[in-house]
Structure formats: C-alpha cells, structure tokens
Amino acid sequence: MSTSMRQHKKPIISPLRYPGGKASLYPRLRTLVRANAMTEGTYVEPYAGGAGAALGLLITGEVQRIVINDLDPAIYSFWLAVTKHPGEFSQMVKTADLTVDEWLRQKEIYSIGSPENYLKLGFATFYLNRTNRSGVLNGGPIGGMDQTGNYKIDARFNKEGLIERIRLLALHSKQIKVTNSDGLAVIRKYSSRHNTLIYADPPYFEKAGSLYLNSFMDSHHSTLAACLNRAAGSKWLLTYDNVPRVAELYRERRREIFSLNYSAHRVVKANEVMVFSDSLVLV
C-alpha cells in the first residue's frame, strides 16, 4: 500500500529543529488517534527528539497527555528545562547573544554536558540546535565560523516566535511527562497500559549517524523489533527508512510506504515505511 503524506495543515509547536522530524505526520497521526478512540488517552514517543508530532497532538487537544522520552541527556535536559522553568528559559532566549563567540561558549557547555544543571545544558542544546546548520548538534554554525555564508547564525533564531512556542508549552506542561530512559524500557512500560498509543521513531538504518547522536547498530534494530512484535496486541506504530531489513524484521505486521521531506543540508524527498501493530485500527 502506498500513500503520500501531506506536508501542510500541521501545527509547528516544537522549539527544536530536527532533520527528518515527524511533525509533518500530524494529519495521519490525528486520524489514527481518532479512529482508535484515543482522544482521552496518552501518546508516547520513546525516541522523541524534537517531539513535533507529540506536541501538535497535545496542543490541538487530540490527546490528553504525552510522554517525551529521549536517552540523550542533552535533549532530555532541554525538555526538562523548557517544561519546568519556561519563564526562565524564555528570558534566556530573549537575552541570547547571536554571535560566534557566544556559540563557542554554548558549545563548550554542551560538550561538558552536565545534566545536573539541566537548565544550563538544556539551553546550550537549544542554542546549538537553532544556530547550527540543519539543527545538527555536532555541526557548525549557520554561515560558518567567519559568518560569510548566505545565511548568518541568527537565521533560525526568531526570538519572538520561539518564546511564543515556549509559552504554549508552559500552558500544557502539566500534561507533559519528560523521561530519560532507554526507548525499549519505555515501550515495555507503556505497551501494557490502556488507552495509550506509542509512536516509535528510532534512529534509522541509513545515515543515522549524521542525524542522531545515539545511533543504532543492527542488534538494536533486532531487539526493538522483538519487543514491538511481542506487543502486537497493543496500540503502536513505527516509522523507518524504507530498507529491506524492515520488511524482514516486521514481516508479520502491516506496513505502509509514505514520502517525507528532509531538510538536513538540502531538501530531499525520501520514501519511508510505517509499521502498525495488529490491534491498531487503520483508516
């Protein structure tokens, strides 16, 4: 079965930029939430990253609660900081210097990576995400170190717009649970719960190293497949790059091909695959 995912009519809520982010799947996920009577339920992302789809569903009232989980302590620190201290975080955004010198300072904070000071680490993570090329945390600044590129370091740092996104998050912070666990543990925990939908978007097979700091080896993909296949009676869906290995690992599950625009370095359209648990009602 083949379909083309619509790239419009999606709320842009997440303050983070993510190459391959899944906010554009919002229309499809909204349809699945409604078809499975999950509007009073909990939506879980074990590999959240930018959590664009989760936040879109929450803020438009499609689900009541979301769980944002990320094993990367820097991404976790960002979500914890922005939900626990939105006012202080917004002030840091408002007063941020958008210069290469400040980029170097934030890069050092990020590199040291002290999660005990999650506000400081969370802001450094956010700063690099908004000022780096394509939002890749281990990349360089937009415009280069000499700022001679077509775009400068402030090109993706619209302070007013970002503060508004943080304000919206703050209004719903009591409905957001942020965790720093292994994705498998999160899937095992929530797959047995009633009225819960899990959307797993793990690191992909190809080019994962350039997009994710916590990339997977083949054994990780196999372990994840075993976990999800055992939970076929729960409500979950999974997205991957469309490679033959996915069809092997999930040969007994329903699968659907879709297209998605990526913006890492340049905009390209890629075919991906969505896998569904047996109990998920499809429309």
C-alpha atoms as a PDB file:
ATOM      1  CA  MET A   1       0.000   0.000   0.000  1.00  0.00           C
ATOM      2  CA  SER A   2       1.416   3.396  -0.971  1.00  0.00           C
ATOM      3  CA  THR A   3       0.376   6.887   0.052  1.00  0.00           C
ATOM      4  CA  SER A   4       1.839  10.396   0.102  1.00  0.00           C
ATOM      5  CA  MET A   5       1.840  12.166   3.442  1.00  0.00           C
ATOM      6  CA  ARG A   6       0.542  15.719   3.344  1.00  0.00           C
ATOM      7  CA  GLN A   7       3.106  18.340   4.348  1.00  0.00           C
ATOM      8  CA  HIS A   8       0.596  21.048   5.309  1.00  0.00           C
ATOM      9  CA  LYS A   9      -2.022  21.673   7.993  1.00  0.00           C
ATOM     10  CA  LYS A  10       0.401  20.765  10.754  1.00  0.00           C
ATOM     11  CA  PRO A  11       0.913  22.873  13.871  1.00  0.00           C
ATOM     12  CA  ILE A  12       4.547  23.970  14.338  1.00  0.00           C
ATOM     13  CA  ILE A  13       4.995  23.838  18.110  1.00  0.00           C
ATOM     14  CA  SER A  14       8.374  22.293  18.942  1.00  0.00           C
ATOM     15  CA  PRO A  15      11.150  24.813  19.637  1.00  0.00           C
ATOM     16  CA  LEU A  16      13.680  22.309  18.270  1.00  0.00           C
ATOM     17  CA  ARG A  17      14.714  21.820  14.667  1.00  0.00           C
ATOM     18  CA  TYR A  18      15.142  18.166  13.750  1.00  0.00           C
ATOM     19  CA  PRO A  19      16.310  16.776  10.412  1.00  0.00           C
ATOM     20  CA  GLY A  20      13.669  14.237   9.468  1.00  0.00           C
ATOM     21  CA  GLY A  21      11.349  15.490  12.208  1.00  0.00           C
ATOM     22  CA  LYS A  22       7.899  13.947  12.133  1.00  0.00           C
ATOM     23  CA  ALA A  23       5.686  16.982  12.786  1.00  0.00           C
ATOM     24  CA  SER A  24       4.508  16.598   9.174  1.00  0.00           C
ATOM     25  CA  LEU A  25       2.864  13.289  10.121  1.00  0.00           C
ATOM     26  CA  TYR A  26       0.412  15.178  12.330  1.00  0.00           C
ATOM     27  CA  PRO A  27      -2.608  14.728   9.954  1.00  0.00           C
ATOM     28  CA  ARG A  28      -2.016  10.966   9.741  1.00  0.00           C
ATOM     29  CA  LEU A  29      -1.464  10.581  13.476  1.00  0.00           C
ATOM     30  CA  ARG A  30      -4.546  12.668  14.250  1.00  0.00           C
ATOM     31  CA  THR A  31      -6.601  10.341  12.054  1.00  0.00           C
ATOM     32  CA  LEU A  32      -5.222   7.279  13.859  1.00  0.00           C
ATOM     33  CA  VAL A  33      -5.858   8.808  17.299  1.00  0.00           C
ATOM     34  CA  ARG A  34      -9.487   9.469  16.403  1.00  0.00           C
ATOM     35  CA  ALA A  35     -10.052   6.106  14.692  1.00  0.00           C
ATOM     36  CA  ASN A  36      -8.755   4.316  17.785  1.00  0.00           C
ATOM     37  CA  ALA A  37     -10.778   6.449  20.247  1.00  0.00           C
ATOM     38  CA  MET A  38      -7.599   7.746  21.896  1.00  0.00           C
ATOM     39  CA  THR A  39      -8.613  11.379  22.354  1.00  0.00           C
ATOM     40  CA  GLU A  40      -8.799  10.911  26.135  1.00  0.00           C
ATOM     41  CA  GLY A  41      -5.599   8.918  26.167  1.00  0.00           C
ATOM     42  CA  THR A  42      -1.816   9.127  26.402  1.00  0.00           C
ATOM     43  CA  TYR A  43       0.525   9.435  23.435  1.00  0.00           C
ATOM     44  CA  VAL A  44       4.100   8.194  23.954  1.00  0.00           C
ATOM     45  CA  GLU A  45       7.275   8.864  21.948  1.00  0.00           C
ATOM     46  CA  PRO A  46      10.134   6.617  23.191  1.00  0.00           C
ATOM     47  CA  TYR A  47      12.603   8.300  20.781  1.00  0.00           C
ATOM     48  CA  ALA A  48      11.193  11.806  20.919  1.00  0.00           C
ATOM     49  CA  GLY A  49      13.908  14.114  19.602  1.00  0.00           C
ATOM     50  CA  GLY A  50      12.045  17.256  18.552  1.00  0.00           C
ATOM     51  CA  ALA A  51       8.674  15.756  19.597  1.00  0.00           C
ATOM     52  CA  GLY A  52       6.910  17.770  16.912  1.00  0.00           C
ATOM     53  CA  ALA A  53       4.075  15.300  16.392  1.00  0.00           C
ATOM     54  CA  ALA A  54       3.518  14.776  20.127  1.00  0.00           C
ATOM     55  CA  LEU A  55       3.246  18.492  20.856  1.00  0.00           C
ATOM     56  CA  GLY A  56       0.967  19.069  17.880  1.00  0.00           C
ATOM     57  CA  LEU A  57      -1.454  16.394  19.085  1.00  0.00           C
ATOM     58  CA  LEU A  58      -1.427  17.704  22.665  1.00  0.00           C
ATOM     59  CA  ILE A  59      -1.847  21.391  21.966  1.00  0.00           C
ATOM     60  CA  THR A  60      -4.660  20.857  19.459  1.00  0.00           C
ATOM     61  CA  GLY A  61      -6.498  18.705  22.022  1.00  0.00           C
ATOM     62  CA  GLU A  62      -6.243  15.416  20.144  1.00  0.00           C
ATOM     63  CA  VAL A  63      -4.727  13.637  23.167  1.00  0.00           C
ATOM     64  CA  GLN A  64      -4.814  14.428  26.882  1.00  0.00           C
ATOM     65  CA  ARG A  65      -1.244  13.543  27.863  1.00  0.00           C
ATOM     66  CA  ILE A  66       2.092  12.962  26.169  1.00  0.00           C
ATOM     67  CA  VAL A  67       5.302  11.253  27.223  1.00  0.00           C
ATOM     68  CA  ILE A  68       8.502  12.705  25.734  1.00  0.00           C
ATOM     69  CA  ASN A  69      11.425  10.331  26.236  1.00  0.00           C
ATOM     70  CA  ASP A  70      14.969  10.735  24.955  1.00  0.00           C
ATOM     71  CA  LEU A  71      18.072   8.857  26.043  1.00  0.00           C
ATOM     72  CA  ASP A  72      20.365  11.714  25.029  1.00  0.00           C
ATOM     73  CA  PRO A  73      20.947  13.664  28.290  1.00  0.00           C
ATOM     74  CA  ALA A  74      21.258  16.931  26.354  1.00  0.00           C
ATOM     75  CA  ILE A  75      17.877  16.580  24.617  1.00  0.00           C
ATOM     76  CA  TYR A  76      16.317  15.353  27.871  1.00  0.00           C
ATOM     77  CA  SER A  77      17.757  18.398  29.679  1.00  0.00           C
ATOM     78  CA  PHE A  78      16.188  20.694  27.113  1.00  0.00           C
ATOM     79  CA  TRP A  79      12.705  19.198  27.524  1.00  0.00           C
ATOM     80  CA  LEU A  80      13.006  19.182  31.302  1.00  0.00           C
ATOM     81  CA  ALA A  81      14.176  22.812  31.359  1.00  0.00           C
ATOM     82  CA  VAL A  82      11.536  24.127  28.987  1.00  0.00           C
ATOM     83  CA  THR A  83       8.671  22.399  30.818  1.00  0.00           C
ATOM     84  CA  LYS A  84       9.865  23.004  34.400  1.00  0.00           C
ATOM     85  CA  HIS A  85      11.241  26.540  34.008  1.00  0.00           C
ATOM     86  CA  PRO A  86       9.583  28.082  30.924  1.00  0.00           C
ATOM     87  CA  GLY A  87       9.789  31.646  32.242  1.00  0.00           C
ATOM     88  CA  GLU A  88      13.496  31.493  32.988  1.00  0.00           C
ATOM     89  CA  PHE A  89      14.144  29.664  29.725  1.00  0.00           C
ATOM     90  CA  SER A  90      12.236  32.324  27.751  1.00  0.00           C
ATOM     91  CA  GLN A  91      14.314  35.045  29.372  1.00  0.00           C
ATOM     92  CA  MET A  92      17.480  33.229  28.308  1.00  0.00           C
ATOM     93  CA  VAL A  93      16.155  33.116  24.746  1.00  0.00           C
ATOM     94  CA  LYS A  94      15.254  36.811  24.854  1.00  0.00           C
ATOM     95  CA  THR A  95      18.714  37.921  26.025  1.00  0.00           C
ATOM     96  CA  ALA A  96      20.803  35.439  23.997  1.00  0.00           C
ATOM     97  CA  ASP A  97      23.717  36.896  22.002  1.00  0.00           C
ATOM     98  CA  LEU A  98      23.691  35.501  18.492  1.00  0.00           C
ATOM     99  CA  THR A  99      27.402  35.648  17.797  1.00  0.00           C
ATOM    100  CA  VAL A 100      30.176  33.156  17.089  1.00  0.00           C
ATOM    101  CA  ASP A 101      31.761  33.969  20.464  1.00  0.00           C
ATOM    102  CA  GLU A 102      28.515  33.023  22.237  1.00  0.00           C
ATOM    103  CA  TRP A 103      28.203  29.944  20.021  1.00  0.00           C
ATOM    104  CA  LEU A 104      31.653  28.835  21.205  1.00  0.00           C
ATOM    105  CA  ARG A 105      30.623  29.364  24.849  1.00  0.00           C
ATOM    106  CA  GLN A 106      27.419  27.368  24.439  1.00  0.00           C
ATOM    107  CA  LYS A 107      29.312  24.675  22.513  1.00  0.00           C
ATOM    108  CA  GLU A 108      31.646  24.248  25.498  1.00  0.00           C
ATOM    109  CA  ILE A 109      28.707  23.958  27.921  1.00  0.00           C
ATOM    110  CA  TYR A 110      27.131  21.360  25.639  1.00  0.00           C
ATOM    111  CA  SER A 111      30.408  19.439  25.247  1.00  0.00           C
ATOM    112  CA  ILE A 112      30.945  19.249  29.008  1.00  0.00           C
ATOM    113  CA  GLY A 113      27.345  18.051  29.292  1.00  0.00           C
ATOM    114  CA  SER A 114      26.439  18.353  32.991  1.00  0.00           C
ATOM    115  CA  PRO A 115      22.831  17.087  33.268  1.00  0.00           C
ATOM    116  CA  GLU A 116      22.671  18.010  36.970  1.00  0.00           C
ATOM    117  CA  ASN A 117      22.391  21.637  35.764  1.00  0.00           C
ATOM    118  CA  TYR A 118      19.714  20.766  33.248  1.00  0.00           C
ATOM    119  CA  LEU A 119      18.636  24.367  32.657  1.00  0.00           C
ATOM    120  CA  LYS A 120      22.124  25.381  31.545  1.00  0.00           C
ATOM    121  CA  LEU A 121      22.698  22.234  29.466  1.00  0.00           C
ATOM    122  CA  GLY A 122      19.175  22.389  28.060  1.00  0.00           C
ATOM    123  CA  PHE A 123      19.648  25.954  26.882  1.00  0.00           C
ATOM    124  CA  ALA A 124      23.046  25.182  25.329  1.00  0.00           C
ATOM    125  CA  THR A 125      21.442  22.284  23.458  1.00  0.00           C
ATOM    126  CA  PHE A 126      18.645  24.548  22.257  1.00  0.00           C
ATOM    127  CA  TYR A 127      21.082  27.324  21.270  1.00  0.00           C
ATOM    128  CA  LEU A 128      23.180  24.977  19.122  1.00  0.00           C
ATOM    129  CA  ASN A 129      20.103  23.369  17.611  1.00  0.00           C
ATOM    130  CA  ARG A 130      18.798  26.767  16.466  1.00  0.00           C
ATOM    131  CA  THR A 131      22.168  28.149  15.291  1.00  0.00           C
ATOM    132  CA  ASN A 132      23.786  25.069  13.703  1.00  0.00           C
ATOM    133  CA  ARG A 133      23.400  24.054  10.093  1.00  0.00           C
ATOM    134  CA  SER A 134      20.286  21.860   9.766  1.00  0.00           C
ATOM    135  CA  GLY A 135      19.971  21.813  13.557  1.00  0.00           C
ATOM    136  CA  VAL A 136      22.560  19.012  13.857  1.00  0.00           C
ATOM    137  CA  LEU A 137      24.111  19.371  17.318  1.00  0.00           C
ATOM    138  CA  ASN A 138      27.609  18.249  16.339  1.00  0.00           C
ATOM    139  CA  GLY A 139      27.651  20.502  13.248  1.00  0.00           C
ATOM    140  CA  GLY A 140      28.957  24.014  12.727  1.00  0.00           C
ATOM    141  CA  PRO A 141      27.174  27.361  12.912  1.00  0.00           C
ATOM    142  CA  ILE A 142      24.985  28.675  10.108  1.00  0.00           C
ATOM    143  CA  GLY A 143      27.143  30.970   7.979  1.00  0.00           C
ATOM    144  CA  GLY A 144      30.376  29.345   9.139  1.00  0.00           C
ATOM    145  CA  MET A 145      32.839  30.458  11.777  1.00  0.00           C
ATOM    146  CA  ASP A 146      33.694  33.519   9.681  1.00  0.00           C
ATOM    147  CA  GLN A 147      29.990  34.293   9.028  1.00  0.00           C
ATOM    148  CA  THR A 148      30.492  34.677   5.277  1.00  0.00           C
ATOM    149  CA  GLY A 149      27.681  32.320   4.232  1.00  0.00           C
ATOM    150  CA  ASN A 150      24.408  33.367   2.601  1.00  0.00           C
ATOM    151  CA  TYR A 151      22.683  32.964   5.971  1.00  0.00           C
ATOM    152  CA  LYS A 152      24.026  34.075   9.332  1.00  0.00           C
ATOM    153  CA  ILE A 153      23.993  32.496  12.774  1.00  0.00           C
ATOM    154  CA  ASP A 154      20.672  34.160  13.701  1.00  0.00           C
ATOM    155  CA  ALA A 155      18.783  32.877  10.629  1.00  0.00           C
ATOM    156  CA  ARG A 156      16.807  30.242  12.572  1.00  0.00           C
ATOM    157  CA  PHE A 157      16.644  32.061  15.914  1.00  0.00           C
ATOM    158  CA  ASN A 158      13.445  34.120  15.739  1.00  0.00           C
ATOM    159  CA  LYS A 159      13.264  35.081  19.405  1.00  0.00           C
ATOM    160  CA  GLU A 160       9.647  36.243  19.390  1.00  0.00           C
ATOM    161  CA  GLY A 161       8.381  33.118  17.649  1.00  0.00           C
ATOM    162  CA  LEU A 162      10.413  30.767  19.832  1.00  0.00           C
ATOM    163  CA  ILE A 163       9.240  32.452  23.042  1.00  0.00           C
ATOM    164  CA  GLU A 164       5.643  32.031  21.864  1.00  0.00           C
ATOM    165  CA  ARG A 165       6.214  28.291  21.335  1.00  0.00           C
ATOM    166  CA  ILE A 166       7.638  28.051  24.850  1.00  0.00           C
ATOM    167  CA  ARG A 167       4.584  29.896  26.193  1.00  0.00           C
ATOM    168  CA  LEU A 168       2.295  27.336  24.559  1.00  0.00           C
ATOM    169  CA  LEU A 169       4.344  24.505  26.075  1.00  0.00           C
ATOM    170  CA  ALA A 170       4.072  26.121  29.507  1.00  0.00           C
ATOM    171  CA  LEU A 171       0.277  26.190  29.259  1.00  0.00           C
ATOM    172  CA  HIS A 172       0.272  22.403  28.790  1.00  0.00           C
ATOM    173  CA  SER A 173       3.276  21.467  30.934  1.00  0.00           C
ATOM    174  CA  LYS A 174       1.181  19.528  33.463  1.00  0.00           C
ATOM    175  CA  GLN A 175       0.152  17.201  30.626  1.00  0.00           C
ATOM    176  CA  ILE A 176       3.754  16.524  29.541  1.00  0.00           C
ATOM    177  CA  LYS A 177       5.904  13.851  31.177  1.00  0.00           C
ATOM    178  CA  VAL A 178       9.612  14.037  30.307  1.00  0.00           C
ATOM    179  CA  THR A 179      11.849  10.993  30.843  1.00  0.00           C
ATOM    180  CA  ASN A 180      15.442   9.952  30.157  1.00  0.00           C
ATOM    181  CA  SER A 181      15.170   6.187  29.683  1.00  0.00           C
ATOM    182  CA  ASP A 182      16.107   3.586  27.121  1.00  0.00           C
ATOM    183  CA  GLY A 183      13.409   3.519  24.442  1.00  0.00           C
ATOM    184  CA  LEU A 184      12.820  -0.208  24.931  1.00  0.00           C
ATOM    185  CA  ALA A 185      12.084   0.305  28.619  1.00  0.00           C
ATOM    186  CA  VAL A 186       9.529   2.975  27.740  1.00  0.00           C
ATOM    187  CA  ILE A 187       7.846   0.705  25.195  1.00  0.00           C
ATOM    188  CA  ARG A 188       7.659  -2.161  27.709  1.00  0.00           C
ATOM    189  CA  LYS A 189       6.257   0.155  30.374  1.00  0.00           C
ATOM    190  CA  TYR A 190       3.502   1.752  28.291  1.00  0.00           C
ATOM    191  CA  SER A 191       2.556  -1.065  25.902  1.00  0.00           C
ATOM    192  CA  SER A 192       0.596  -2.772  28.674  1.00  0.00           C
ATOM    193  CA  ARG A 193      -1.375   0.364  29.558  1.00  0.00           C
ATOM    194  CA  HIS A 194      -4.929   1.015  28.494  1.00  0.00           C
ATOM    195  CA  ASN A 195      -5.778   3.969  26.255  1.00  0.00           C
ATOM    196  CA  THR A 196      -2.157   4.523  25.233  1.00  0.00           C
ATOM    197  CA  LEU A 197      -0.677   4.976  21.760  1.00  0.00           C
ATOM    198  CA  ILE A 198       3.058   4.535  21.236  1.00  0.00           C
ATOM    199  CA  TYR A 199       4.803   6.098  18.242  1.00  0.00           C
ATOM    200  CA  ALA A 200       8.345   4.747  17.869  1.00  0.00           C
ATOM    201  CA  ASP A 201      10.664   6.731  15.588  1.00  0.00           C
ATOM    202  CA  PRO A 202      14.089   5.187  16.303  1.00  0.00           C
ATOM    203  CA  PRO A 203      17.416   6.052  14.650  1.00  0.00           C
ATOM    204  CA  TYR A 204      17.280   4.835  11.070  1.00  0.00           C
ATOM    205  CA  PHE A 205      19.368   2.228   9.255  1.00  0.00           C
ATOM    206  CA  GLU A 206      20.934   4.597   6.727  1.00  0.00           C
ATOM    207  CA  LYS A 207      22.581   7.956   7.537  1.00  0.00           C
ATOM    208  CA  ALA A 208      21.579   7.582  11.178  1.00  0.00           C
ATOM    209  CA  GLY A 209      24.986   8.695  12.410  1.00  0.00           C
ATOM    210  CA  SER A 210      24.626  12.147  10.870  1.00  0.00           C
ATOM    211  CA  LEU A 211      21.124  12.735  12.221  1.00  0.00           C
ATOM    212  CA  TYR A 212      21.240  11.206  15.686  1.00  0.00           C
ATOM    213  CA  LEU A 213      23.822  11.238  18.456  1.00  0.00           C
ATOM    214  CA  ASN A 214      22.518   7.870  19.700  1.00  0.00           C
ATOM    215  CA  SER A 215      22.545   5.778  16.528  1.00  0.00           C
ATOM    216  CA  PHE A 216      21.589   2.089  16.368  1.00  0.00           C
ATOM    217  CA  MET A 217      23.531  -0.989  15.354  1.00  0.00           C
ATOM    218  CA  ASP A 218      21.734  -3.904  13.709  1.00  0.00           C
ATOM    219  CA  SER A 219      21.406  -5.686  17.050  1.00  0.00           C
ATOM    220  CA  HIS A 220      19.490  -2.687  18.426  1.00  0.00           C
ATOM    221  CA  HIS A 221      17.082  -2.765  15.491  1.00  0.00           C
ATOM    222  CA  SER A 222      16.535  -6.502  16.017  1.00  0.00           C
ATOM    223  CA  THR A 223      15.926  -6.099  19.751  1.00  0.00           C
ATOM    224  CA  LEU A 224      13.447  -3.292  19.123  1.00  0.00           C
ATOM    225  CA  ALA A 225      11.595  -5.443  16.570  1.00  0.00           C
ATOM    226  CA  ALA A 226      11.384  -8.350  19.015  1.00  0.00           C
ATOM    227  CA  CYS A 227       9.977  -6.015  21.674  1.00  0.00           C
ATOM    228  CA  LEU A 228       7.345  -4.479  19.398  1.00  0.00           C
ATOM    229  CA  ASN A 229       6.366  -7.770  17.775  1.00  0.00           C
ATOM    230  CA  ARG A 230       5.726  -9.227  21.220  1.00  0.00           C
ATOM    231  CA  ALA A 231       3.440  -6.256  21.876  1.00  0.00           C
ATOM    232  CA  ALA A 232       1.445  -6.696  18.647  1.00  0.00           C
ATOM    233  CA  GLY A 233      -1.774  -6.657  20.681  1.00  0.00           C
ATOM    234  CA  SER A 234      -1.016  -3.151  21.981  1.00  0.00           C
ATOM    235  CA  LYS A 235      -1.530   0.059  20.016  1.00  0.00           C
ATOM    236  CA  TRP A 236       1.683   1.252  18.409  1.00  0.00           C
ATOM    237  CA  LEU A 237       3.165   2.427  15.148  1.00  0.00           C
ATOM    238  CA  LEU A 238       6.732   2.683  13.950  1.00  0.00           C
ATOM    239  CA  THR A 239       8.488   4.646  11.212  1.00  0.00           C
ATOM    240  CA  TYR A 240      11.744   3.741   9.473  1.00  0.00           C
ATOM    241  CA  ASP A 241      13.685   4.376   6.324  1.00  0.00           C
ATOM    242  CA  ASN A 242      12.391   2.044   3.625  1.00  0.00           C
ATOM    243  CA  VAL A 243      15.102  -0.630   3.546  1.00  0.00           C
ATOM    244  CA  PRO A 244      14.647  -4.416   3.045  1.00  0.00           C
ATOM    245  CA  ARG A 245      15.647  -5.152   6.647  1.00  0.00           C
ATOM    246  CA  VAL A 246      12.457  -3.507   7.948  1.00  0.00           C
ATOM    247  CA  ALA A 247      10.291  -5.896   5.895  1.00  0.00           C
ATOM    248  CA  GLU A 248      12.289  -8.811   7.340  1.00  0.00           C
ATOM    249  CA  LEU A 249      12.003  -7.685  10.962  1.00  0.00           C
ATOM    250  CA  TYR A 250       8.286  -6.833  10.696  1.00  0.00           C
ATOM    251  CA  ARG A 251       7.155  -9.353   8.075  1.00  0.00           C
ATOM    252  CA  GLU A 252       4.053 -10.285  10.116  1.00  0.00           C
ATOM    253  CA  ARG A 253       2.942  -6.688  10.643  1.00  0.00           C
ATOM    254  CA  ARG A 254       1.049  -4.343   8.331  1.00  0.00           C
ATOM    255  CA  ARG A 255       3.275  -1.805   6.559  1.00  0.00           C
ATOM    256  CA  GLU A 256       2.676   1.323   4.505  1.00  0.00           C
ATOM    257  CA  ILE A 257       5.069   3.357   2.353  1.00  0.00           C
ATOM    258  CA  PHE A 258       4.963   7.145   2.559  1.00  0.00           C
ATOM    259  CA  SER A 259       7.100  10.071   1.401  1.00  0.00           C
ATOM    260  CA  LEU A 260       8.662  12.715   3.613  1.00  0.00           C
ATOM    261  CA  ASN A 261      10.756  15.823   3.004  1.00  0.00           C
ATOM    262  CA  TYR A 262      14.137  16.003   4.747  1.00  0.00           C
ATOM    263  CA  SER A 263      15.998  19.245   5.315  1.00  0.00           C
ATOM    264  CA  ALA A 264      19.434  18.094   6.503  1.00  0.00           C
ATOM    265  CA  HIS A 265      21.868  20.077   4.282  1.00  0.00           C
ATOM    266  CA  ARG A 266      19.343  20.161   1.411  1.00  0.00           C
ATOM    267  CA  VAL A 267      15.661  19.397   0.960  1.00  0.00           C
ATOM    268  CA  VAL A 268      15.110  15.928  -0.438  1.00  0.00           C
ATOM    269  CA  LYS A 269      12.074  13.674  -0.581  1.00  0.00           C
ATOM    270  CA  ALA A 270      12.576  10.171   0.789  1.00  0.00           C
ATOM    271  CA  ASN A 271      10.368   7.107   0.924  1.00  0.00           C
ATOM    272  CA  GLU A 272       9.856   5.734   4.409  1.00  0.00           C
ATOM    273  CA  VAL A 273       7.808   2.922   5.873  1.00  0.00           C
ATOM    274  CA  MET A 274       5.230   2.928   8.638  1.00  0.00           C
ATOM    275  CA  VAL A 275       4.611  -0.313  10.562  1.00  0.00           C
ATOM    276  CA  PHE A 276       1.433  -0.926  12.577  1.00  0.00           C
ATOM    277  CA  SER A 277       0.564  -3.188  15.494  1.00  0.00           C
ATOM    278  CA  ASP A 278      -2.200  -5.704  14.896  1.00  0.00           C
ATOM    279  CA  SER A 279      -4.704  -4.002  17.190  1.00  0.00           C
ATOM    280  CA  LEU A 280      -4.354  -0.521  15.696  1.00  0.00           C
ATOM    281  CA  VAL A 281      -7.417   0.449  13.649  1.00  0.00           C
ATOM    282  CA  LEU A 282      -6.364   1.892  10.283  1.00  0.00           C
ATOM    283  CA  VAL A 283      -8.421   4.243   8.124  1.00  0.00           C
END
